[in-house]
Amino acid sequence: MSSHTVHLVRHGEVENPQHVVYASLPGFGLSKRGRAQAQAAGRRLAGHAVATVIASPLQRAAETATTIAAHLGPTVRSDRRLLEWELGERWAGTPWGELEARFPGELTAYLEHPHDLDFTPEPLHTLAGRVATIVTEASGAAGHDEVVLVSHQDPIQAARLFLTRRPLATLQTDKPGHGSIITLEFDTKTRQWRETAYWEPDQGTTFPPIRPAES
């Protein structure tokens, strides 16, 4: 076998009735729907030879990882490199509908050019690098077994783009949904990552993977 397989899983939907930016604030666990999404992801991965399940220490990711691991066998370990993008700390606790008033222009900038923000404490390329590092580290340690990493939307998307050689400027395109699984494979001969599958629990289907643009 000449490849390593990593499954990047976004946590399930969160109980957030006030629709605030929760970032790393405590007390934001999975909603009923989020728990069902985590169960669906666990069933989807059941039967895979998963050696390791690693999660962001935030409650929503830890709950999702524990649910998935119950279908797979390994215990969950935590790694801070899978935490949310530090950009969110700036907005933490603010309702999404009030962001523009409290932080004029910042939401628009995040949506239009997330790779070039002068107000984030962590640039997007730094986020991509820290998550990509644990992806490569964990896959190498697991050998030919598979790895599940449970994190958050922007960290997963940034690493996905970085590892498959796509521009970080496309962060807002085709972002992973709650409970989704992005499967990446590292070819040990070509030394390159490629996306081989994308699955979302609410649709219950596998979509064609997104390919890097031809150079």
Protein backbone atom coordinates (compact mmCIF):
# COMPACT_ATOMS: atom_id res chain seq x y z
CA MET A 1 0.00 0.00 0.00
CA SER A 2 1.48 3.34 -1.01
CA SER A 3 -0.84 5.87 0.60
CA HIS A 4 -1.98 7.23 3.95
CA THR A 5 -5.63 8.12 4.61
CA VAL A 6 -6.92 10.92 6.83
CA HIS A 7 -10.57 11.78 7.45
CA LEU A 8 -11.18 15.42 8.39
CA VAL A 9 -14.48 15.67 10.26
CA ARG A 10 -16.28 18.89 11.10
CA HIS A 11 -18.13 18.77 14.43
CA GLY A 12 -21.91 18.46 14.43
CA GLU A 13 -24.38 21.32 14.71
CA VAL A 14 -24.11 23.35 17.93
CA GLU A 15 -26.84 24.43 20.35
CA ASN A 16 -26.63 28.19 19.78
CA PRO A 17 -30.06 29.83 20.10
CA GLN A 18 -28.63 33.37 20.17
CA HIS A 19 -26.64 32.76 16.97
CA VAL A 20 -23.44 34.18 18.42
CA VAL A 21 -19.87 33.66 17.29
CA TYR A 22 -18.90 31.06 19.87
CA ALA A 23 -15.19 30.74 19.00
CA SER A 24 -13.62 29.11 22.08
CA LEU A 25 -16.32 30.20 24.55
CA PRO A 26 -17.34 27.38 26.95
CA GLY A 27 -20.79 25.85 27.05
CA PHE A 28 -21.40 25.30 23.35
CA GLY A 29 -22.11 21.61 22.93
CA LEU A 30 -23.92 19.70 20.22
CA SER A 31 -27.60 20.18 19.51
CA LYS A 32 -29.93 17.20 19.09
CA ARG A 33 -29.36 17.40 15.36
CA GLY A 34 -25.60 17.72 15.92
CA ARG A 35 -25.57 14.52 17.99
CA ALA A 36 -27.42 12.74 15.20
CA GLN A 37 -24.89 14.05 12.67
CA ALA A 38 -22.01 12.75 14.80
CA GLN A 39 -23.69 9.34 15.04
CA ALA A 40 -24.14 9.30 11.26
CA ALA A 41 -20.46 10.14 10.76
CA GLY A 42 -19.50 7.35 13.14
CA ARG A 43 -21.61 4.86 11.22
CA ARG A 44 -20.12 6.10 7.97
CA LEU A 45 -16.58 5.41 9.23
CA ALA A 46 -17.39 2.13 10.96
CA GLY A 47 -15.37 -0.70 9.49
CA HIS A 48 -12.45 1.51 8.52
CA ALA A 49 -9.09 0.57 10.01
CA VAL A 50 -8.78 3.73 12.11
CA ALA A 51 -5.79 3.82 14.43
CA THR A 52 -6.26 7.26 15.93
CA VAL A 53 -9.05 9.77 16.63
CA ILE A 54 -7.78 13.24 17.48
CA ALA A 55 -10.00 16.23 18.28
CA SER A 56 -9.95 19.90 19.03
CA PRO A 57 -10.38 20.30 22.80
CA LEU A 58 -13.48 22.47 22.35
CA GLN A 59 -16.67 20.81 23.61
CA ARG A 60 -18.46 20.51 20.28
CA ALA A 61 -15.50 18.77 18.64
CA ALA A 62 -14.77 16.55 21.64
CA GLU A 63 -18.40 15.38 21.77
CA THR A 64 -18.37 14.63 18.04
CA ALA A 65 -15.09 12.74 18.31
CA THR A 66 -16.25 10.66 21.27
CA THR A 67 -19.39 9.65 19.40
CA ILE A 68 -17.40 8.69 16.30
CA ALA A 69 -14.78 6.79 18.30
CA ALA A 70 -17.49 4.64 19.87
CA HIS A 71 -18.05 3.15 16.40
CA LEU A 72 -14.34 2.65 15.72
CA GLY A 73 -12.56 1.52 18.88
CA PRO A 74 -9.74 4.01 19.55
CA THR A 75 -9.96 6.43 22.44
CA VAL A 76 -9.95 10.14 21.64
CA ARG A 77 -6.97 12.33 22.29
CA SER A 78 -6.96 16.10 22.21
CA ASP A 79 -4.67 18.42 20.28
CA ARG A 80 -4.78 22.21 20.41
CA ARG A 81 -3.58 22.48 16.83
CA LEU A 82 -7.14 21.55 15.82
CA LEU A 83 -8.67 24.53 17.64
CA GLU A 84 -10.78 27.17 15.89
CA TRP A 85 -9.21 29.97 13.87
CA GLU A 86 -8.04 32.64 16.31
CA LEU A 87 -9.87 35.22 14.22
CA GLY A 88 -13.05 34.13 15.99
CA GLU A 89 -11.75 35.26 19.37
CA ARG A 90 -12.07 38.86 18.21
CA TRP A 91 -15.80 38.37 17.56
CA ALA A 92 -16.58 35.86 20.35
CA GLY A 93 -19.99 36.36 21.94
CA THR A 94 -21.22 38.75 19.24
CA PRO A 95 -24.39 37.72 17.39
CA TRP A 96 -23.65 37.23 13.71
CA GLY A 97 -26.34 39.77 12.86
CA GLU A 98 -24.51 42.46 14.84
CA LEU A 99 -21.01 41.91 13.51
CA GLU A 100 -21.19 44.63 10.89
CA ALA A 101 -22.29 47.23 13.42
CA ARG A 102 -19.70 46.29 16.03
CA PHE A 103 -16.84 45.56 13.65
CA PRO A 104 -17.51 47.61 10.50
CA GLY A 105 -16.21 46.03 7.32
CA GLU A 106 -14.69 42.96 8.98
CA LEU A 107 -17.33 40.38 8.05
CA THR A 108 -17.26 41.55 4.43
CA ALA A 109 -13.47 41.29 4.41
CA TYR A 110 -13.64 37.78 5.89
CA LEU A 111 -16.07 36.71 3.18
CA GLU A 112 -14.29 38.39 0.27
CA HIS A 113 -10.56 38.08 1.02
CA PRO A 114 -9.99 35.85 4.08
CA HIS A 115 -6.36 35.32 3.08
CA ASP A 116 -5.59 39.03 3.49
CA LEU A 117 -6.98 40.35 6.79
CA ASP A 118 -5.13 42.97 8.78
CA PHE A 119 -7.23 42.49 11.93
CA THR A 120 -6.81 38.78 12.65
CA PRO A 121 -4.25 37.68 15.27
CA GLU A 122 -3.65 34.52 13.22
CA PRO A 123 -3.23 34.87 9.43
CA LEU A 124 -4.98 32.27 7.31
CA HIS A 125 -1.72 30.76 6.10
CA THR A 126 -0.67 30.22 9.72
CA LEU A 127 -3.96 28.45 10.45
CA ALA A 128 -3.53 26.25 7.39
CA GLY A 129 0.01 25.38 8.42
CA ARG A 130 -0.81 24.38 11.99
CA VAL A 131 -3.63 22.05 10.94
CA ALA A 132 -1.67 20.65 8.00
CA THR A 133 1.16 19.84 10.39
CA ILE A 134 -0.98 17.60 12.58
CA VAL A 135 -2.52 15.97 9.51
CA THR A 136 0.89 14.95 8.17
CA GLU A 137 2.23 14.07 11.61
CA ALA A 138 -0.73 11.87 12.56
CA SER A 139 -0.88 10.11 9.20
CA GLY A 140 2.83 9.32 9.34
CA ALA A 141 2.55 7.91 12.87
CA ALA A 142 -0.43 5.72 11.92
CA GLY A 143 1.41 4.01 9.09
CA HIS A 144 -1.07 2.26 6.82
CA ASP A 145 -3.96 2.64 9.26
CA GLU A 146 -6.37 5.53 8.89
CA VAL A 147 -6.71 8.66 11.04
CA VAL A 148 -9.76 10.71 12.03
CA LEU A 149 -9.26 14.37 12.95
CA VAL A 150 -12.23 16.32 14.33
CA SER A 151 -12.04 20.09 14.09
CA HIS A 152 -13.93 23.20 12.94
CA GLN A 153 -15.02 24.59 9.60
CA ASP A 154 -12.32 27.13 8.80
CA PRO A 155 -9.37 25.08 10.15
CA ILE A 156 -10.49 22.05 8.14
CA GLN A 157 -11.08 24.09 5.00
CA ALA A 158 -7.74 25.87 5.27
CA ALA A 159 -5.82 22.60 5.68
CA ARG A 160 -7.84 20.98 2.89
CA LEU A 161 -6.87 23.74 0.47
CA PHE A 162 -3.25 23.91 1.57
CA LEU A 163 -2.62 20.17 1.38
CA THR A 164 -4.26 19.74 -2.02
CA ARG A 165 -2.45 22.76 -3.47
CA ARG A 166 -5.41 25.06 -3.90
CA PRO A 167 -5.38 28.81 -3.16
CA LEU A 168 -6.36 29.91 0.34
CA ALA A 169 -8.24 32.79 -1.27
CA THR A 170 -10.97 30.22 -2.09
CA LEU A 171 -11.65 29.53 1.61
CA GLN A 172 -15.36 30.42 1.29
CA THR A 173 -16.00 28.03 -1.61
CA ASP A 174 -17.54 24.61 -0.92
CA LYS A 175 -16.95 24.72 2.83
CA PRO A 176 -17.62 21.55 4.84
CA GLY A 177 -21.03 21.18 6.48
CA HIS A 178 -21.72 20.00 10.04
CA GLY A 179 -20.67 16.40 10.60
CA SER A 180 -19.09 16.18 7.15
CA ILE A 181 -16.15 13.95 6.31
CA ILE A 182 -13.40 14.99 3.92
CA THR A 183 -11.13 12.10 3.00
CA LEU A 184 -7.57 12.89 1.96
CA GLU A 185 -4.95 10.43 0.77
CA PHE A 186 -1.21 10.98 0.75
CA ASP A 187 0.61 9.15 -2.02
CA THR A 188 3.99 8.13 -0.65
CA LYS A 189 5.43 7.85 -4.17
CA THR A 190 4.41 11.28 -5.47
CA ARG A 191 4.54 12.87 -1.99
CA GLN A 192 1.26 14.64 -2.67
CA TRP A 193 -2.15 14.80 -1.02
CA ARG A 194 -5.38 14.40 -2.95
CA GLU A 195 -9.01 14.60 -1.91
CA THR A 196 -10.77 11.30 -2.59
CA ALA A 197 -14.23 11.77 -1.05
CA TYR A 198 -16.59 14.26 0.57
CA TRP A 199 -19.66 13.19 2.57
CA GLU A 200 -22.33 15.04 4.54
CA PRO A 201 -24.72 13.31 6.95
CA ASP A 202 -27.81 15.40 6.22
CA GLN A 203 -27.66 14.53 2.53
CA GLY A 204 -26.56 10.99 3.24
CA THR A 205 -24.56 10.96 0.04
CA THR A 206 -20.99 11.14 -1.13
CA PHE A 207 -20.21 14.02 -3.47
CA PRO A 208 -17.37 13.98 -5.99
CA PRO A 209 -14.17 15.31 -4.41
CA ILE A 210 -13.03 18.79 -5.33
CA ARG A 211 -9.98 18.62 -7.55
CA PRO A 212 -7.15 21.17 -7.64
CA ALA A 213 -7.13 23.37 -10.69
CA GLU A 214 -4.91 22.25 -13.51
CA SER A 215 -1.67 24.28 -13.58
